[in-house]
Amino acid sequence: MAGSDLILGHLRAIRSDIGSVKSDLRDIKARMASIESYQVAGHGDAVRQSSRLDEIEARIEQVERRLELRDG
């Protein structure tokens, strides 16, 4: 009887440890999702800024041509 109690005790401890690992894994997944979301938003901002800079550059070139400050 003592042997089976010992085994049950170990199984309960293992079950508890697995529950803790599952909880930690859920937290890690949530944090990773948050980081990924932040990176995607940052990348989108960089793309928009780059596009806006391209537009501004084109407008400056157009002004320079009209004022005959640039060849072309």
C-alpha atoms as a PDB file:
ATOM      1  CA  MET A   1       0.000   0.000   0.000  1.00  0.00           C
ATOM      2  CA  ALA A   2       2.838   2.392   0.812  1.00  0.00           C
ATOM      3  CA  GLY A   3       4.364   1.881  -2.627  1.00  0.00           C
ATOM      4  CA  SER A   4       1.157   2.856  -4.420  1.00  0.00           C
ATOM      5  CA  ASP A   5       0.818   5.958  -2.206  1.00  0.00           C
ATOM      6  CA  LEU A   6       4.364   6.946  -3.153  1.00  0.00           C
ATOM      7  CA  ILE A   7       3.599   6.506  -6.852  1.00  0.00           C
ATOM      8  CA  LEU A   8       0.359   8.479  -6.553  1.00  0.00           C
ATOM      9  CA  GLY A   9       2.266  11.238  -4.760  1.00  0.00           C
ATOM     10  CA  HIS A  10       4.803  11.405  -7.574  1.00  0.00           C
ATOM     11  CA  LEU A  11       2.058  11.396 -10.214  1.00  0.00           C
ATOM     12  CA  ARG A  12       0.284  14.274  -8.445  1.00  0.00           C
ATOM     13  CA  ALA A  13       3.547  16.236  -8.313  1.00  0.00           C
ATOM     14  CA  ILE A  14       4.155  15.569 -12.020  1.00  0.00           C
ATOM     15  CA  ARG A  15       0.602  16.673 -12.849  1.00  0.00           C
ATOM     16  CA  SER A  16       1.119  19.861 -10.864  1.00  0.00           C
ATOM     17  CA  ASP A  17       4.427  20.552 -12.630  1.00  0.00           C
ATOM     18  CA  ILE A  18       2.818  19.976 -16.039  1.00  0.00           C
ATOM     19  CA  GLY A  19       0.039  22.400 -15.130  1.00  0.00           C
ATOM     20  CA  SER A  20       2.647  24.999 -14.225  1.00  0.00           C
ATOM     21  CA  VAL A  21       4.517  24.417 -17.499  1.00  0.00           C
ATOM     22  CA  LYS A  22       1.264  24.778 -19.481  1.00  0.00           C
ATOM     23  CA  SER A  23       0.507  28.057 -17.734  1.00  0.00           C
ATOM     24  CA  ASP A  24       4.006  29.367 -18.407  1.00  0.00           C
ATOM     25  CA  LEU A  25       3.723  28.318 -22.053  1.00  0.00           C
ATOM     26  CA  ARG A  26       0.424  30.202 -22.423  1.00  0.00           C
ATOM     27  CA  ASP A  27       2.100  33.319 -20.996  1.00  0.00           C
ATOM     28  CA  ILE A  28       5.053  32.945 -23.375  1.00  0.00           C
ATOM     29  CA  LYS A  29       2.735  32.516 -26.366  1.00  0.00           C
ATOM     30  CA  ALA A  30       0.774  35.635 -25.395  1.00  0.00           C
ATOM     31  CA  ARG A  31       3.978  37.645 -25.040  1.00  0.00           C
ATOM     32  CA  MET A  32       5.283  36.388 -28.384  1.00  0.00           C
ATOM     33  CA  ALA A  33       2.006  37.338 -30.070  1.00  0.00           C
ATOM     34  CA  SER A  34       2.285  40.802 -28.561  1.00  0.00           C
ATOM     35  CA  ILE A  35       5.873  41.184 -29.780  1.00  0.00           C
ATOM     36  CA  GLU A  36       4.945  39.979 -33.263  1.00  0.00           C
ATOM     37  CA  SER A  37       2.036  42.414 -33.400  1.00  0.00           C
ATOM     38  CA  TYR A  38       4.316  45.270 -32.319  1.00  0.00           C
ATOM     39  CA  GLN A  39       6.884  44.347 -34.997  1.00  0.00           C
ATOM     40  CA  VAL A  40       4.242  44.213 -37.719  1.00  0.00           C
ATOM     41  CA  ALA A  41       2.937  47.633 -36.701  1.00  0.00           C
ATOM     42  CA  GLY A  42       6.471  49.029 -36.686  1.00  0.00           C
ATOM     43  CA  HIS A  43       7.197  47.594 -40.119  1.00  0.00           C
ATOM     44  CA  GLY A  44       3.987  49.101 -41.477  1.00  0.00           C
ATOM     45  CA  ASP A  45       4.987  52.499 -40.090  1.00  0.00           C
ATOM     46  CA  ALA A  46       8.394  52.228 -41.767  1.00  0.00           C
ATOM     47  CA  VAL A  47       6.778  51.333 -45.095  1.00  0.00           C
ATOM     48  CA  ARG A  48       4.384  54.293 -44.849  1.00  0.00           C
ATOM     49  CA  GLN A  49       7.230  56.663 -43.968  1.00  0.00           C
ATOM     50  CA  SER A  50       9.318  55.411 -46.869  1.00  0.00           C
ATOM     51  CA  SER A  51       6.390  55.851 -49.247  1.00  0.00           C
ATOM     52  CA  ARG A  52       5.754  59.355 -47.939  1.00  0.00           C
ATOM     53  CA  LEU A  53       9.437  60.263 -48.367  1.00  0.00           C
ATOM     54  CA  ASP A  54       9.293  59.017 -51.968  1.00  0.00           C
ATOM     55  CA  GLU A  55       6.288  61.275 -52.592  1.00  0.00           C
ATOM     56  CA  ILE A  56       8.049  64.268 -51.056  1.00  0.00           C
ATOM     57  CA  GLU A  57      11.186  63.601 -53.096  1.00  0.00           C
ATOM     58  CA  ALA A  58       9.136  63.474 -56.314  1.00  0.00           C
ATOM     59  CA  ARG A  59       7.449  66.771 -55.457  1.00  0.00           C
ATOM     60  CA  ILE A  60      10.788  68.448 -54.706  1.00  0.00           C
ATOM     61  CA  GLU A  61      12.154  67.249 -58.045  1.00  0.00           C
ATOM     62  CA  GLN A  62       9.081  68.654 -59.774  1.00  0.00           C
ATOM     63  CA  VAL A  63       9.538  72.046 -58.064  1.00  0.00           C
ATOM     64  CA  GLU A  64      13.241  72.074 -58.943  1.00  0.00           C
ATOM     65  CA  ARG A  65      12.423  71.391 -62.610  1.00  0.00           C
ATOM     66  CA  ARG A  66       9.810  74.158 -62.685  1.00  0.00           C
ATOM     67  CA  LEU A  67      12.260  76.608 -61.159  1.00  0.00           C
ATOM     68  CA  GLU A  68      14.900  75.351 -63.572  1.00  0.00           C
ATOM     69  CA  LEU A  69      17.157  74.352 -60.678  1.00  0.00           C
ATOM     70  CA  ARG A  70      17.589  70.897 -62.108  1.00  0.00           C
ATOM     71  CA  ASP A  71      18.264  69.551 -65.573  1.00  0.00           C
ATOM     72  CA  GLY A  72      15.586  67.441 -67.159  1.00  0.00           C
END
